[in-house]
């Protein structure tokens, strides 16, 4: 990749997490949007998971992510996103802190049939001040609620993007990632504004 003056340009690489409850479509999203063959750690579910993994609402699910999913998408000549899909089961939560290290932002995928499974992810990112967007996965092209209804149900503030999507569709998944970038940019601008305000307050002569 070269700039206008023919000097090679190294694109900025940013890390984005794809999170959410069990079976909401994280692996599908990474696979649909990645421009390289995604790394997946899917394993078949066995009887050993009975009574441990909550299959309510996803009784037909036959496989699960046991470590992470990984993909990559180029947003522009100077920007590349590395996508890390988190495991959804409670027993793999110990991995989340490591996966979140260095993350610019996150997607919280939600299923309107099981919205309660989104709260753990939302709490995780809010506690660590990682900007995120909530994307409602419209399974089979149908969504049972509007974006604003989901915002109210999850008690999200107005600054958190909430949108409907179809994770099987590349363009729809890309739109979600752009919303995350926008949220991260807004968070950074707000922090810069606060820091500038503090500096001006310190520099102002006392009366």
C-alpha atoms as a PDB file:
ATOM      1  CA  UNK A   1       0.000   0.000   0.000  1.00  0.00           C
ATOM      2  CA  UNK A   2       1.472   3.364  -1.085  1.00  0.00           C
ATOM      3  CA  UNK A   3       0.646   6.998  -0.471  1.00  0.00           C
ATOM      4  CA  UNK A   4       0.378   9.751  -3.098  1.00  0.00           C
ATOM      5  CA  UNK A   5       4.138  10.321  -2.926  1.00  0.00           C
ATOM      6  CA  UNK A   6       4.764   6.589  -3.524  1.00  0.00           C
ATOM      7  CA  UNK A   7       5.972   6.017   0.013  1.00  0.00           C
ATOM      8  CA  UNK A   8       4.625   2.771   1.518  1.00  0.00           C
ATOM      9  CA  UNK A   9       1.847   3.334   4.046  1.00  0.00           C
ATOM     10  CA  UNK A  10       1.241   0.908   6.875  1.00  0.00           C
ATOM     11  CA  UNK A  11      -2.467   0.797   7.726  1.00  0.00           C
ATOM     12  CA  UNK A  12      -3.562   1.414  11.297  1.00  0.00           C
ATOM     13  CA  UNK A  13      -4.739  -1.854  12.867  1.00  0.00           C
ATOM     14  CA  UNK A  14      -7.540  -1.674  15.426  1.00  0.00           C
ATOM     15  CA  UNK A  15      -8.984  -4.435  17.578  1.00  0.00           C
ATOM     16  CA  UNK A  16     -12.751  -4.922  17.859  1.00  0.00           C
ATOM     17  CA  UNK A  17     -14.511  -7.530  20.016  1.00  0.00           C
ATOM     18  CA  UNK A  18     -17.676  -9.301  18.866  1.00  0.00           C
ATOM     19  CA  UNK A  19     -19.503 -10.299  22.034  1.00  0.00           C
ATOM     20  CA  UNK A  20     -22.926 -11.372  23.260  1.00  0.00           C
ATOM     21  CA  UNK A  21     -24.766 -14.288  24.739  1.00  0.00           C
ATOM     22  CA  UNK A  22     -24.635 -17.912  23.717  1.00  0.00           C
ATOM     23  CA  UNK A  23     -25.888 -18.537  20.170  1.00  0.00           C
ATOM     24  CA  UNK A  24     -26.563 -14.920  19.127  1.00  0.00           C
ATOM     25  CA  UNK A  25     -24.488 -15.100  15.924  1.00  0.00           C
ATOM     26  CA  UNK A  26     -20.950 -14.007  16.833  1.00  0.00           C
ATOM     27  CA  UNK A  27     -19.208 -16.673  14.759  1.00  0.00           C
ATOM     28  CA  UNK A  28     -21.542 -16.004  11.828  1.00  0.00           C
ATOM     29  CA  UNK A  29     -20.811 -12.263  11.949  1.00  0.00           C
ATOM     30  CA  UNK A  30     -17.039 -12.701  11.954  1.00  0.00           C
ATOM     31  CA  UNK A  31     -17.313 -15.180   9.087  1.00  0.00           C
ATOM     32  CA  UNK A  32     -19.613 -12.999   6.968  1.00  0.00           C
ATOM     33  CA  UNK A  33     -17.523  -9.836   7.151  1.00  0.00           C
ATOM     34  CA  UNK A  34     -13.952 -11.178   7.251  1.00  0.00           C
ATOM     35  CA  UNK A  35     -11.938 -10.770   4.048  1.00  0.00           C
ATOM     36  CA  UNK A  36      -9.718 -13.702   5.014  1.00  0.00           C
ATOM     37  CA  UNK A  37     -10.724 -17.204   5.997  1.00  0.00           C
ATOM     38  CA  UNK A  38     -11.737 -16.725   9.637  1.00  0.00           C
ATOM     39  CA  UNK A  39     -10.069 -18.647  12.403  1.00  0.00           C
ATOM     40  CA  UNK A  40     -12.793 -20.498  14.278  1.00  0.00           C
ATOM     41  CA  UNK A  41     -12.637 -22.686  17.358  1.00  0.00           C
ATOM     42  CA  UNK A  42     -16.019 -24.367  16.958  1.00  0.00           C
ATOM     43  CA  UNK A  43     -16.490 -27.749  18.610  1.00  0.00           C
ATOM     44  CA  UNK A  44     -19.472 -30.067  18.613  1.00  0.00           C
ATOM     45  CA  UNK A  45     -21.541 -29.917  21.767  1.00  0.00           C
ATOM     46  CA  UNK A  46     -21.699 -33.141  23.713  1.00  0.00           C
ATOM     47  CA  UNK A  47     -23.717 -34.513  26.594  1.00  0.00           C
ATOM     48  CA  UNK A  48     -21.038 -33.147  28.934  1.00  0.00           C
ATOM     49  CA  UNK A  49     -22.476 -29.654  28.404  1.00  0.00           C
ATOM     50  CA  UNK A  50     -25.953 -30.660  29.563  1.00  0.00           C
ATOM     51  CA  UNK A  51     -26.911 -28.731  32.664  1.00  0.00           C
ATOM     52  CA  UNK A  52     -23.933 -26.388  32.173  1.00  0.00           C
ATOM     53  CA  UNK A  53     -24.694 -24.440  28.994  1.00  0.00           C
ATOM     54  CA  UNK A  54     -28.078 -22.722  28.821  1.00  0.00           C
ATOM     55  CA  UNK A  55     -29.692 -23.765  25.524  1.00  0.00           C
ATOM     56  CA  UNK A  56     -32.987 -21.961  26.110  1.00  0.00           C
ATOM     57  CA  UNK A  57     -34.058 -20.485  22.793  1.00  0.00           C
ATOM     58  CA  UNK A  58     -31.235 -22.194  20.865  1.00  0.00           C
ATOM     59  CA  UNK A  59     -32.107 -25.831  21.452  1.00  0.00           C
ATOM     60  CA  UNK A  60     -30.999 -26.752  17.926  1.00  0.00           C
ATOM     61  CA  UNK A  61     -27.457 -25.445  18.344  1.00  0.00           C
ATOM     62  CA  UNK A  62     -24.986 -28.288  17.769  1.00  0.00           C
ATOM     63  CA  UNK A  63     -21.609 -26.524  18.041  1.00  0.00           C
ATOM     64  CA  UNK A  64     -20.027 -23.827  20.172  1.00  0.00           C
ATOM     65  CA  UNK A  65     -16.974 -21.550  20.251  1.00  0.00           C
ATOM     66  CA  UNK A  66     -14.533 -22.781  22.881  1.00  0.00           C
ATOM     67  CA  UNK A  67     -11.840 -20.094  22.572  1.00  0.00           C
ATOM     68  CA  UNK A  68     -12.432 -17.303  20.055  1.00  0.00           C
ATOM     69  CA  UNK A  69     -13.184 -16.440  16.443  1.00  0.00           C
ATOM     70  CA  UNK A  70     -10.787 -14.242  14.494  1.00  0.00           C
ATOM     71  CA  UNK A  71     -11.198 -12.293  11.267  1.00  0.00           C
ATOM     72  CA  UNK A  72     -10.007  -9.191   9.460  1.00  0.00           C
ATOM     73  CA  UNK A  73     -11.646  -6.474   7.392  1.00  0.00           C
ATOM     74  CA  UNK A  74     -10.076  -3.511   5.591  1.00  0.00           C
ATOM     75  CA  UNK A  75     -12.205  -0.393   6.085  1.00  0.00           C
ATOM     76  CA  UNK A  76     -10.001   1.915   4.008  1.00  0.00           C
ATOM     77  CA  UNK A  77      -6.467   2.263   2.652  1.00  0.00           C
ATOM     78  CA  UNK A  78      -5.167   3.214   6.078  1.00  0.00           C
ATOM     79  CA  UNK A  79      -7.476   1.286   8.419  1.00  0.00           C
ATOM     80  CA  UNK A  80      -7.756  -2.432   9.141  1.00  0.00           C
ATOM     81  CA  UNK A  81      -9.964  -3.980  11.813  1.00  0.00           C
ATOM     82  CA  UNK A  82      -9.038  -7.211  13.558  1.00  0.00           C
ATOM     83  CA  UNK A  83     -12.141  -8.938  14.869  1.00  0.00           C
ATOM     84  CA  UNK A  84     -12.154 -11.181  17.922  1.00  0.00           C
ATOM     85  CA  UNK A  85     -15.331 -13.130  18.634  1.00  0.00           C
ATOM     86  CA  UNK A  86     -15.721 -14.053  22.288  1.00  0.00           C
ATOM     87  CA  UNK A  87     -17.064 -17.370  23.589  1.00  0.00           C
ATOM     88  CA  UNK A  88     -20.629 -17.015  24.820  1.00  0.00           C
ATOM     89  CA  UNK A  89     -20.857 -19.564  27.621  1.00  0.00           C
ATOM     90  CA  UNK A  90     -20.357 -18.550  31.238  1.00  0.00           C
ATOM     91  CA  UNK A  91     -17.675 -21.212  31.730  1.00  0.00           C
ATOM     92  CA  UNK A  92     -15.368 -19.409  29.263  1.00  0.00           C
ATOM     93  CA  UNK A  93     -15.697 -15.947  30.796  1.00  0.00           C
ATOM     94  CA  UNK A  94     -12.196 -16.207  32.252  1.00  0.00           C
ATOM     95  CA  UNK A  95     -10.886 -15.530  28.719  1.00  0.00           C
ATOM     96  CA  UNK A  96     -12.664 -12.207  28.249  1.00  0.00           C
ATOM     97  CA  UNK A  97     -10.157  -9.990  30.066  1.00  0.00           C
ATOM     98  CA  UNK A  98      -7.321 -11.245  27.874  1.00  0.00           C
ATOM     99  CA  UNK A  99      -9.383 -10.825  24.709  1.00  0.00           C
ATOM    100  CA  UNK A 100     -10.389  -7.284  25.731  1.00  0.00           C
ATOM    101  CA  UNK A 101      -6.804  -6.102  26.220  1.00  0.00           C
ATOM    102  CA  UNK A 102      -6.079  -3.374  23.672  1.00  0.00           C
ATOM    103  CA  UNK A 103      -9.600  -3.355  22.208  1.00  0.00           C
ATOM    104  CA  UNK A 104     -10.760  -0.051  20.714  1.00  0.00           C
ATOM    105  CA  UNK A 105     -14.423  -1.012  20.934  1.00  0.00           C
ATOM    106  CA  UNK A 106     -16.936  -3.827  20.837  1.00  0.00           C
ATOM    107  CA  UNK A 107     -20.136  -5.125  19.315  1.00  0.00           C
ATOM    108  CA  UNK A 108     -22.725  -6.620  21.661  1.00  0.00           C
ATOM    109  CA  UNK A 109     -24.943  -8.889  19.578  1.00  0.00           C
ATOM    110  CA  UNK A 110     -28.464  -9.278  20.947  1.00  0.00           C
ATOM    111  CA  UNK A 111     -31.348 -11.643  20.302  1.00  0.00           C
ATOM    112  CA  UNK A 112     -34.754 -10.124  21.110  1.00  0.00           C
ATOM    113  CA  UNK A 113     -35.990 -13.569  22.169  1.00  0.00           C
ATOM    114  CA  UNK A 114     -33.290 -13.656  24.870  1.00  0.00           C
ATOM    115  CA  UNK A 115     -32.369 -10.038  25.620  1.00  0.00           C
ATOM    116  CA  UNK A 116     -31.332 -10.910  29.166  1.00  0.00           C
ATOM    117  CA  UNK A 117     -28.255 -12.686  27.794  1.00  0.00           C
ATOM    118  CA  UNK A 118     -26.908  -9.288  26.667  1.00  0.00           C
ATOM    119  CA  UNK A 119     -26.599  -7.740  30.129  1.00  0.00           C
ATOM    120  CA  UNK A 120     -23.377  -9.519  31.089  1.00  0.00           C
ATOM    121  CA  UNK A 121     -21.580  -8.258  27.975  1.00  0.00           C
ATOM    122  CA  UNK A 122     -22.905  -4.723  28.419  1.00  0.00           C
ATOM    123  CA  UNK A 123     -21.809  -4.660  32.065  1.00  0.00           C
ATOM    124  CA  UNK A 124     -18.360  -5.969  31.085  1.00  0.00           C
ATOM    125  CA  UNK A 125     -17.704  -3.169  28.594  1.00  0.00           C
ATOM    126  CA  UNK A 126     -19.270  -0.432  30.696  1.00  0.00           C
ATOM    127  CA  UNK A 127     -17.125  -1.346  33.697  1.00  0.00           C
ATOM    128  CA  UNK A 128     -13.973  -1.194  31.542  1.00  0.00           C
ATOM    129  CA  UNK A 129     -15.093   1.954  29.689  1.00  0.00           C
ATOM    130  CA  UNK A 130     -14.806   0.240  26.317  1.00  0.00           C
ATOM    131  CA  UNK A 131     -17.157   1.903  23.800  1.00  0.00           C
ATOM    132  CA  UNK A 132     -19.640  -0.468  22.186  1.00  0.00           C
ATOM    133  CA  UNK A 133     -22.648  -0.703  19.913  1.00  0.00           C
ATOM    134  CA  UNK A 134     -25.583  -3.052  20.420  1.00  0.00           C
ATOM    135  CA  UNK A 135     -26.583  -4.894  17.250  1.00  0.00           C
ATOM    136  CA  UNK A 136     -29.880  -6.772  17.255  1.00  0.00           C
ATOM    137  CA  UNK A 137     -29.496  -9.844  15.064  1.00  0.00           C
ATOM    138  CA  UNK A 138     -32.673 -10.233  13.029  1.00  0.00           C
ATOM    139  CA  UNK A 139     -32.856 -14.004  12.707  1.00  0.00           C
ATOM    140  CA  UNK A 140     -34.456 -15.096   9.429  1.00  0.00           C
ATOM    141  CA  UNK A 141     -34.961 -11.421   8.537  1.00  0.00           C
ATOM    142  CA  UNK A 142     -37.390 -10.821  11.400  1.00  0.00           C
ATOM    143  CA  UNK A 143     -36.939  -8.638  14.489  1.00  0.00           C
ATOM    144  CA  UNK A 144     -39.477  -8.716  17.270  1.00  0.00           C
ATOM    145  CA  UNK A 145     -38.618  -5.232  18.535  1.00  0.00           C
ATOM    146  CA  UNK A 146     -37.436  -1.883  17.249  1.00  0.00           C
ATOM    147  CA  UNK A 147     -34.021  -0.446  18.060  1.00  0.00           C
ATOM    148  CA  UNK A 148     -35.555   2.045  20.501  1.00  0.00           C
ATOM    149  CA  UNK A 149     -37.521  -0.701  22.263  1.00  0.00           C
ATOM    150  CA  UNK A 150     -34.276  -2.638  22.704  1.00  0.00           C
ATOM    151  CA  UNK A 151     -32.517   0.491  24.004  1.00  0.00           C
ATOM    152  CA  UNK A 152     -35.234   0.956  26.617  1.00  0.00           C
ATOM    153  CA  UNK A 153     -35.256  -2.727  27.614  1.00  0.00           C
ATOM    154  CA  UNK A 154     -31.467  -2.760  28.080  1.00  0.00           C
ATOM    155  CA  UNK A 155     -31.468   0.668  29.786  1.00  0.00           C
ATOM    156  CA  UNK A 156     -28.840   2.096  27.429  1.00  0.00           C
ATOM    157  CA  UNK A 157     -27.967   5.769  27.282  1.00  0.00           C
ATOM    158  CA  UNK A 158     -28.518   7.835  24.147  1.00  0.00           C
ATOM    159  CA  UNK A 159     -24.811   7.785  23.250  1.00  0.00           C
ATOM    160  CA  UNK A 160     -24.762   3.999  22.776  1.00  0.00           C
ATOM    161  CA  UNK A 161     -25.601   3.032  19.186  1.00  0.00           C
ATOM    162  CA  UNK A 162     -28.374   0.444  18.811  1.00  0.00           C
ATOM    163  CA  UNK A 163     -29.194  -0.929  15.376  1.00  0.00           C
ATOM    164  CA  UNK A 164     -30.889  -3.850  13.683  1.00  0.00           C
ATOM    165  CA  UNK A 165     -28.762  -6.117  11.523  1.00  0.00           C
ATOM    166  CA  UNK A 166     -28.481  -9.449   9.764  1.00  0.00           C
ATOM    167  CA  UNK A 167     -25.104 -10.945  10.657  1.00  0.00           C
ATOM    168  CA  UNK A 168     -25.255 -13.231   7.615  1.00  0.00           C
ATOM    169  CA  UNK A 169     -24.986 -10.190   5.374  1.00  0.00           C
ATOM    170  CA  UNK A 170     -21.536  -8.634   4.891  1.00  0.00           C
ATOM    171  CA  UNK A 171     -22.774  -5.073   4.331  1.00  0.00           C
ATOM    172  CA  UNK A 172     -25.055  -5.232   7.362  1.00  0.00           C
ATOM    173  CA  UNK A 173     -22.208  -6.491   9.562  1.00  0.00           C
ATOM    174  CA  UNK A 174     -19.869  -3.819   8.182  1.00  0.00           C
ATOM    175  CA  UNK A 175     -22.400  -1.113   9.083  1.00  0.00           C
ATOM    176  CA  UNK A 176     -22.319  -2.361  12.675  1.00  0.00           C
ATOM    177  CA  UNK A 177     -18.524  -2.109  12.779  1.00  0.00           C
ATOM    178  CA  UNK A 178     -18.672   1.456  11.451  1.00  0.00           C
ATOM    179  CA  UNK A 179     -21.057   2.329  14.282  1.00  0.00           C
ATOM    180  CA  UNK A 180     -18.519   0.980  16.775  1.00  0.00           C
ATOM    181  CA  UNK A 181     -15.809   3.139  15.213  1.00  0.00           C
ATOM    182  CA  UNK A 182     -18.123   6.145  15.498  1.00  0.00           C
ATOM    183  CA  UNK A 183     -18.804   5.408  19.160  1.00  0.00           C
ATOM    184  CA  UNK A 184     -15.084   5.058  19.864  1.00  0.00           C
ATOM    185  CA  UNK A 185     -14.348   8.326  18.057  1.00  0.00           C
ATOM    186  CA  UNK A 186     -17.055  10.142  20.040  1.00  0.00           C
ATOM    187  CA  UNK A 187     -15.717   8.712  23.316  1.00  0.00           C
ATOM    188  CA  UNK A 188     -12.177   9.820  22.460  1.00  0.00           C
ATOM    189  CA  UNK A 189     -13.371  13.321  21.520  1.00  0.00           C
ATOM    190  CA  UNK A 190     -15.272  13.626  24.785  1.00  0.00           C
ATOM    191  CA  UNK A 191     -12.218  12.587  26.797  1.00  0.00           C
ATOM    192  CA  UNK A 192     -10.045  15.046  24.884  1.00  0.00           C
ATOM    193  CA  UNK A 193     -12.556  17.807  25.567  1.00  0.00           C
ATOM    194  CA  UNK A 194     -12.593  17.049  29.281  1.00  0.00           C
ATOM    195  CA  UNK A 195      -8.788  16.961  29.421  1.00  0.00           C
ATOM    196  CA  UNK A 196      -8.564  20.274  27.557  1.00  0.00           C
ATOM    197  CA  UNK A 197     -11.048  21.807  29.977  1.00  0.00           C
ATOM    198  CA  UNK A 198      -8.999  20.686  32.957  1.00  0.00           C
ATOM    199  CA  UNK A 199      -5.811  22.080  31.415  1.00  0.00           C
ATOM    200  CA  UNK A 200      -7.441  25.456  30.820  1.00  0.00           C
ATOM    201  CA  UNK A 201      -8.716  25.479  34.381  1.00  0.00           C
ATOM    202  CA  UNK A 202      -5.213  24.835  35.724  1.00  0.00           C
ATOM    203  CA  UNK A 203      -3.647  27.479  33.467  1.00  0.00           C
ATOM    204  CA  UNK A 204      -6.235  30.160  34.284  1.00  0.00           C
ATOM    205  CA  UNK A 205      -4.891  32.754  36.775  1.00  0.00           C
ATOM    206  CA  UNK A 206      -6.621  32.791  40.113  1.00  0.00           C
ATOM    207  CA  UNK A 207      -8.469  35.902  41.130  1.00  0.00           C
END
